[in-house]
Amino acid sequence: MAATLALLFLLASDPAREIEEENLRALAKVRRVFVDRLNGGETAVQLRDMLISALVNAKIFALTENQERADAVLRGSAEDLIFTDTFQTSSGVSARASIGTGSTSTRSTTATTTRTPGVQVSVGEDESQRIAERKHEATASVRLVTKDGDIIWSTTQESLGGKFKGAGADVADRIARQLKADYEKGRRLSSGP
């Protein structure tokens, strides 16, 4: 019993845990969010739109285009890169054999005889392969900031895309799922003892 109480005391006095719980409780109080422009390349604008769509579908908060009406602002950076992944390999096998003998005899008055038997074998095989595959990679790092400037939530998500979803849409969905899971954690903490 004493060991259990000591463990509960240690868990209760953990500063990192206290900060996390405080942030989760603050997250549970958020009702309206403004999604700010994301830093990054040209694709950050598209990723912002995908993120707004994913958050609307997650039904966590009311989203607003008016920053003054928002309880919190979602800020960050995002990038959707297109690159070519190249794989190149080559291998070869080669063998050679050569056998030769020669003899020459010469007579000064009548004839000349020359014998030169020889065998030569050569085998070779060379194979090379080059595969170039076009890929997408999307990354986003976002944070939720209160009106007071406190960061109450953040995440970084990456994706190479899924079977039926592009990399950008997958990153937006991952962010929305993570935010929803943490929001529900915060609601349980707020409604608990």
C-alpha atoms as a PDB file:
ATOM      1  CA  MET A   1       0.000   0.000   0.000  1.00  0.00           C
ATOM      2  CA  ALA A   2       2.825   2.389   0.899  1.00  0.00           C
ATOM      3  CA  ALA A   3       4.578   1.606  -2.407  1.00  0.00           C
ATOM      4  CA  THR A   4       1.398   2.428  -4.337  1.00  0.00           C
ATOM      5  CA  LEU A   5       1.027   5.751  -2.527  1.00  0.00           C
ATOM      6  CA  ALA A   6       4.683   6.578  -3.184  1.00  0.00           C
ATOM      7  CA  LEU A   7       4.228   5.805  -6.890  1.00  0.00           C
ATOM      8  CA  LEU A   8       1.097   7.965  -7.069  1.00  0.00           C
ATOM      9  CA  PHE A   9       2.985  10.792  -5.342  1.00  0.00           C
ATOM     10  CA  LEU A  10       5.847  10.525  -7.854  1.00  0.00           C
ATOM     11  CA  LEU A  11       3.456  10.526 -10.796  1.00  0.00           C
ATOM     12  CA  ALA A  12       1.547  13.476  -9.384  1.00  0.00           C
ATOM     13  CA  SER A  13       4.691  15.541  -8.852  1.00  0.00           C
ATOM     14  CA  ASP A  14       6.206  14.941 -12.317  1.00  0.00           C
ATOM     15  CA  PRO A  15       6.574  18.445 -13.868  1.00  0.00           C
ATOM     16  CA  ALA A  16       6.493  17.188 -17.467  1.00  0.00           C
ATOM     17  CA  ARG A  17       3.274  15.315 -16.807  1.00  0.00           C
ATOM     18  CA  GLU A  18       1.741  18.346 -15.087  1.00  0.00           C
ATOM     19  CA  ILE A  19       2.567  20.555 -18.085  1.00  0.00           C
ATOM     20  CA  GLU A  20       1.140  17.986 -20.504  1.00  0.00           C
ATOM     21  CA  GLU A  21      -2.074  17.687 -18.491  1.00  0.00           C
ATOM     22  CA  GLU A  22      -2.382  21.478 -18.240  1.00  0.00           C
ATOM     23  CA  ASN A  23      -1.990  21.772 -22.024  1.00  0.00           C
ATOM     24  CA  LEU A  24      -4.531  18.997 -22.625  1.00  0.00           C
ATOM     25  CA  ARG A  25      -7.041  20.730 -20.328  1.00  0.00           C
ATOM     26  CA  ALA A  26      -6.470  24.009 -22.209  1.00  0.00           C
ATOM     27  CA  LEU A  27      -6.960  22.143 -25.496  1.00  0.00           C
ATOM     28  CA  ALA A  28     -10.299  20.781 -24.254  1.00  0.00           C
ATOM     29  CA  LYS A  29     -11.512  24.371 -23.669  1.00  0.00           C
ATOM     30  CA  VAL A  30     -10.869  25.449 -27.274  1.00  0.00           C
ATOM     31  CA  ARG A  31     -14.074  25.806 -29.303  1.00  0.00           C
ATOM     32  CA  ARG A  32     -13.117  27.912 -32.347  1.00  0.00           C
ATOM     33  CA  VAL A  33      -9.855  27.719 -34.352  1.00  0.00           C
ATOM     34  CA  PHE A  34      -8.311  29.872 -37.061  1.00  0.00           C
ATOM     35  CA  VAL A  35      -5.872  28.084 -39.399  1.00  0.00           C
ATOM     36  CA  ASP A  36      -3.122  30.571 -40.245  1.00  0.00           C
ATOM     37  CA  ARG A  37      -1.055  30.541 -43.441  1.00  0.00           C
ATOM     38  CA  LEU A  38       1.591  27.848 -43.288  1.00  0.00           C
ATOM     39  CA  ASN A  39       5.217  28.671 -43.989  1.00  0.00           C
ATOM     40  CA  GLY A  40       6.949  26.676 -46.703  1.00  0.00           C
ATOM     41  CA  GLY A  41       6.935  26.499 -50.454  1.00  0.00           C
ATOM     42  CA  GLU A  42       4.085  26.994 -52.890  1.00  0.00           C
ATOM     43  CA  THR A  43       2.527  23.715 -51.806  1.00  0.00           C
ATOM     44  CA  ALA A  44       1.974  25.018 -48.254  1.00  0.00           C
ATOM     45  CA  VAL A  45      -1.174  26.816 -49.485  1.00  0.00           C
ATOM     46  CA  GLN A  46      -2.642  23.536 -50.755  1.00  0.00           C
ATOM     47  CA  LEU A  47      -1.656  21.698 -47.585  1.00  0.00           C
ATOM     48  CA  ARG A  48      -3.409  24.410 -45.523  1.00  0.00           C
ATOM     49  CA  ASP A  49      -6.611  23.825 -47.504  1.00  0.00           C
ATOM     50  CA  MET A  50      -6.307  20.055 -47.011  1.00  0.00           C
ATOM     51  CA  LEU A  51      -5.712  20.594 -43.298  1.00  0.00           C
ATOM     52  CA  ILE A  52      -8.818  22.786 -43.008  1.00  0.00           C
ATOM     53  CA  SER A  53     -10.851  20.115 -44.787  1.00  0.00           C
ATOM     54  CA  ALA A  54      -9.503  17.361 -42.522  1.00  0.00           C
ATOM     55  CA  LEU A  55     -10.256  19.413 -39.386  1.00  0.00           C
ATOM     56  CA  VAL A  56     -13.805  20.156 -40.557  1.00  0.00           C
ATOM     57  CA  ASN A  57     -14.351  16.430 -41.184  1.00  0.00           C
ATOM     58  CA  ALA A  58     -12.914  15.552 -37.746  1.00  0.00           C
ATOM     59  CA  LYS A  59     -15.635  17.721 -36.122  1.00  0.00           C
ATOM     60  CA  ILE A  60     -13.439  18.791 -33.202  1.00  0.00           C
ATOM     61  CA  PHE A  61     -13.793  22.581 -33.392  1.00  0.00           C
ATOM     62  CA  ALA A  62     -15.641  25.241 -35.278  1.00  0.00           C
ATOM     63  CA  LEU A  63     -13.206  26.715 -37.797  1.00  0.00           C
ATOM     64  CA  THR A  64     -13.230  30.408 -38.590  1.00  0.00           C
ATOM     65  CA  GLU A  65     -11.662  32.677 -41.197  1.00  0.00           C
ATOM     66  CA  ASN A  66     -11.711  35.538 -38.659  1.00  0.00           C
ATOM     67  CA  GLN A  67      -8.656  35.337 -36.399  1.00  0.00           C
ATOM     68  CA  GLU A  68     -10.155  37.720 -33.790  1.00  0.00           C
ATOM     69  CA  ARG A  69     -13.068  35.341 -33.144  1.00  0.00           C
ATOM     70  CA  ALA A  70     -10.811  32.304 -32.629  1.00  0.00           C
ATOM     71  CA  ASP A  71      -9.908  30.814 -29.231  1.00  0.00           C
ATOM     72  CA  ALA A  72      -6.680  29.468 -30.757  1.00  0.00           C
ATOM     73  CA  VAL A  73      -4.648  29.710 -33.959  1.00  0.00           C
ATOM     74  CA  LEU A  74      -3.102  26.750 -35.777  1.00  0.00           C
ATOM     75  CA  ARG A  75       0.301  27.821 -37.140  1.00  0.00           C
ATOM     76  CA  GLY A  76       3.278  26.063 -38.633  1.00  0.00           C
ATOM     77  CA  SER A  77       5.008  25.033 -41.810  1.00  0.00           C
ATOM     78  CA  ALA A  78       4.372  22.453 -44.492  1.00  0.00           C
ATOM     79  CA  GLU A  79       5.927  21.171 -47.687  1.00  0.00           C
ATOM     80  CA  ASP A  80       4.905  18.680 -50.354  1.00  0.00           C
ATOM     81  CA  LEU A  81       7.968  17.676 -52.350  1.00  0.00           C
ATOM     82  CA  ILE A  82       8.130  15.742 -55.597  1.00  0.00           C
ATOM     83  CA  PHE A  83      11.351  13.865 -56.221  1.00  0.00           C
ATOM     84  CA  THR A  84      12.730  11.002 -58.262  1.00  0.00           C
ATOM     85  CA  ASP A  85      14.073   8.013 -56.374  1.00  0.00           C
ATOM     86  CA  THR A  86      16.671   6.258 -58.550  1.00  0.00           C
ATOM     87  CA  PHE A  87      18.021   2.747 -58.074  1.00  0.00           C
ATOM     88  CA  GLN A  88      20.838   1.594 -60.347  1.00  0.00           C
ATOM     89  CA  THR A  89      22.727  -1.691 -60.372  1.00  0.00           C
ATOM     90  CA  SER A  90      24.986  -3.554 -62.764  1.00  0.00           C
ATOM     91  CA  SER A  91      26.677  -6.932 -62.679  1.00  0.00           C
ATOM     92  CA  GLY A  92      28.842  -8.834 -65.109  1.00  0.00           C
ATOM     93  CA  VAL A  93      30.443 -12.239 -65.614  1.00  0.00           C
ATOM     94  CA  SER A  94      33.219 -12.914 -68.082  1.00  0.00           C
ATOM     95  CA  ALA A  95      35.477 -15.928 -68.755  1.00  0.00           C
ATOM     96  CA  ARG A  96      38.278 -16.498 -71.251  1.00  0.00           C
ATOM     97  CA  ALA A  97      40.463 -19.469 -72.160  1.00  0.00           C
ATOM     98  CA  SER A  98      43.147 -19.771 -74.789  1.00  0.00           C
ATOM     99  CA  ILE A  99      45.384 -22.718 -75.749  1.00  0.00           C
ATOM    100  CA  GLY A 100      47.921 -22.579 -78.489  1.00  0.00           C
ATOM    101  CA  THR A 101      50.872 -24.529 -79.856  1.00  0.00           C
ATOM    102  CA  GLY A 102      53.001 -23.781 -82.799  1.00  0.00           C
ATOM    103  CA  SER A 103      55.856 -25.361 -84.750  1.00  0.00           C
ATOM    104  CA  THR A 104      57.698 -24.277 -87.807  1.00  0.00           C
ATOM    105  CA  SER A 105      60.198 -26.266 -89.883  1.00  0.00           C
ATOM    106  CA  THR A 106      62.008 -24.967 -92.885  1.00  0.00           C
ATOM    107  CA  ARG A 107      64.083 -26.792 -95.516  1.00  0.00           C
ATOM    108  CA  SER A 108      66.316 -24.783 -97.625  1.00  0.00           C
ATOM    109  CA  THR A 109      65.961 -26.707-100.926  1.00  0.00           C
ATOM    110  CA  THR A 110      62.409 -28.070-101.122  1.00  0.00           C
ATOM    111  CA  ALA A 111      59.525 -27.053 -98.771  1.00  0.00           C
ATOM    112  CA  THR A 112      58.459 -25.302 -95.609  1.00  0.00           C
ATOM    113  CA  THR A 113      56.065 -26.887 -93.099  1.00  0.00           C
ATOM    114  CA  THR A 114      54.201 -24.821 -90.470  1.00  0.00           C
ATOM    115  CA  ARG A 115      51.762 -26.287 -87.914  1.00  0.00           C
ATOM    116  CA  THR A 116      49.914 -24.005 -85.467  1.00  0.00           C
ATOM    117  CA  PRO A 117      46.945 -25.602 -83.662  1.00  0.00           C
ATOM    118  CA  GLY A 118      45.048 -23.290 -81.213  1.00  0.00           C
ATOM    119  CA  VAL A 119      41.835 -23.104 -79.221  1.00  0.00           C
ATOM    120  CA  GLN A 120      40.197 -19.943 -77.891  1.00  0.00           C
ATOM    121  CA  VAL A 121      36.965 -19.725 -75.819  1.00  0.00           C
ATOM    122  CA  SER A 122      35.282 -16.537 -74.590  1.00  0.00           C
ATOM    123  CA  VAL A 123      32.056 -16.164 -72.557  1.00  0.00           C
ATOM    124  CA  GLY A 124      30.602 -12.912 -71.284  1.00  0.00           C
ATOM    125  CA  GLU A 125      27.435 -11.588 -69.678  1.00  0.00           C
ATOM    126  CA  ASP A 126      26.707  -8.089 -68.470  1.00  0.00           C
ATOM    127  CA  GLU A 127      23.461  -6.893 -66.912  1.00  0.00           C
ATOM    128  CA  SER A 128      22.509  -3.452 -65.723  1.00  0.00           C
ATOM    129  CA  GLN A 129      19.250  -2.123 -64.354  1.00  0.00           C
ATOM    130  CA  ARG A 130      18.052   1.406 -63.658  1.00  0.00           C
ATOM    131  CA  ILE A 131      14.747   2.165 -61.980  1.00  0.00           C
ATOM    132  CA  ALA A 132      13.569   5.747 -61.571  1.00  0.00           C
ATOM    133  CA  GLU A 133      10.402   6.218 -59.534  1.00  0.00           C
ATOM    134  CA  ARG A 134       8.624   9.544 -59.049  1.00  0.00           C
ATOM    135  CA  LYS A 135       7.561  10.068 -55.431  1.00  0.00           C
ATOM    136  CA  HIS A 136       5.838  12.605 -53.219  1.00  0.00           C
ATOM    137  CA  GLU A 137       6.809  13.373 -49.660  1.00  0.00           C
ATOM    138  CA  ALA A 138       4.752  15.718 -47.520  1.00  0.00           C
ATOM    139  CA  THR A 139       5.724  17.041 -44.107  1.00  0.00           C
ATOM    140  CA  ALA A 140       4.013  19.438 -41.739  1.00  0.00           C
ATOM    141  CA  SER A 141       4.841  20.809 -38.310  1.00  0.00           C
ATOM    142  CA  VAL A 142       1.943  22.627 -36.688  1.00  0.00           C
ATOM    143  CA  ARG A 143       1.126  24.070 -33.288  1.00  0.00           C
ATOM    144  CA  LEU A 144      -2.024  25.361 -31.624  1.00  0.00           C
ATOM    145  CA  VAL A 145      -1.495  28.738 -29.944  1.00  0.00           C
ATOM    146  CA  THR A 146      -3.936  30.405 -27.524  1.00  0.00           C
ATOM    147  CA  LYS A 147      -4.814  34.116 -27.610  1.00  0.00           C
ATOM    148  CA  ASP A 148      -2.296  34.591 -24.783  1.00  0.00           C
ATOM    149  CA  GLY A 149       0.463  33.140 -26.980  1.00  0.00           C
ATOM    150  CA  ASP A 150       0.772  29.815 -25.139  1.00  0.00           C
ATOM    151  CA  ILE A 151       1.480  26.756 -27.275  1.00  0.00           C
ATOM    152  CA  ILE A 152      -0.926  24.105 -26.007  1.00  0.00           C
ATOM    153  CA  TRP A 153      -0.454  21.450 -28.686  1.00  0.00           C
ATOM    154  CA  SER A 154       1.980  20.569 -31.476  1.00  0.00           C
ATOM    155  CA  THR A 155       2.822  17.747 -33.839  1.00  0.00           C
ATOM    156  CA  THR A 156       5.026  16.906 -36.804  1.00  0.00           C
ATOM    157  CA  GLN A 157       3.731  14.490 -39.423  1.00  0.00           C
ATOM    158  CA  GLU A 158       5.305  13.020 -42.571  1.00  0.00           C
ATOM    159  CA  SER A 159       3.963  10.847 -45.359  1.00  0.00           C
ATOM    160  CA  LEU A 160       4.992   9.358 -48.678  1.00  0.00           C
ATOM    161  CA  GLY A 161       1.314   8.955 -49.490  1.00  0.00           C
ATOM    162  CA  GLY A 162      -0.942   5.979 -49.208  1.00  0.00           C
ATOM    163  CA  LYS A 163      -2.458   3.506 -51.602  1.00  0.00           C
ATOM    164  CA  PHE A 164      -5.534   5.643 -52.200  1.00  0.00           C
ATOM    165  CA  LYS A 165      -4.391   9.011 -50.838  1.00  0.00           C
ATOM    166  CA  GLY A 166      -1.733  11.532 -51.777  1.00  0.00           C
ATOM    167  CA  ALA A 167       1.032  12.523 -49.393  1.00  0.00           C
ATOM    168  CA  GLY A 168      -0.450  15.951 -48.592  1.00  0.00           C
ATOM    169  CA  ALA A 169      -3.926  14.627 -47.836  1.00  0.00           C
ATOM    170  CA  ASP A 170      -2.423  11.864 -45.705  1.00  0.00           C
ATOM    171  CA  VAL A 171      -0.421  14.371 -43.632  1.00  0.00           C
ATOM    172  CA  ALA A 172      -3.528  16.540 -43.126  1.00  0.00           C
ATOM    173  CA  ASP A 173      -5.542  13.506 -41.975  1.00  0.00           C
ATOM    174  CA  ARG A 174      -2.772  12.402 -39.605  1.00  0.00           C
ATOM    175  CA  ILE A 175      -2.681  15.853 -38.018  1.00  0.00           C
ATOM    176  CA  ALA A 176      -6.469  15.890 -37.606  1.00  0.00           C
ATOM    177  CA  ARG A 177      -6.467  12.374 -36.074  1.00  0.00           C
ATOM    178  CA  GLN A 178      -3.672  13.288 -33.637  1.00  0.00           C
ATOM    179  CA  LEU A 179      -5.425  16.513 -32.652  1.00  0.00           C
ATOM    180  CA  LYS A 180      -8.734  14.702 -32.137  1.00  0.00           C
ATOM    181  CA  ALA A 181      -7.104  12.000 -29.984  1.00  0.00           C
ATOM    182  CA  ASP A 182      -5.343  14.601 -27.820  1.00  0.00           C
ATOM    183  CA  TYR A 183      -8.506  16.728 -27.607  1.00  0.00           C
ATOM    184  CA  GLU A 184     -10.483  13.737 -26.329  1.00  0.00           C
ATOM    185  CA  LYS A 185      -7.697  12.990 -23.828  1.00  0.00           C
ATOM    186  CA  GLY A 186      -8.018  16.559 -22.580  1.00  0.00           C
ATOM    187  CA  ARG A 187     -11.801  16.256 -22.255  1.00  0.00           C
ATOM    188  CA  ARG A 188     -11.399  13.094 -20.158  1.00  0.00           C
ATOM    189  CA  LEU A 189      -8.887  14.882 -17.908  1.00  0.00           C
ATOM    190  CA  SER A 190     -11.188  17.898 -17.538  1.00  0.00           C
ATOM    191  CA  SER A 191     -14.234  15.808 -16.676  1.00  0.00           C
ATOM    192  CA  GLY A 192     -12.311  13.455 -14.355  1.00  0.00           C
ATOM    193  CA  PRO A 193     -11.808  13.805 -10.588  1.00  0.00           C
END
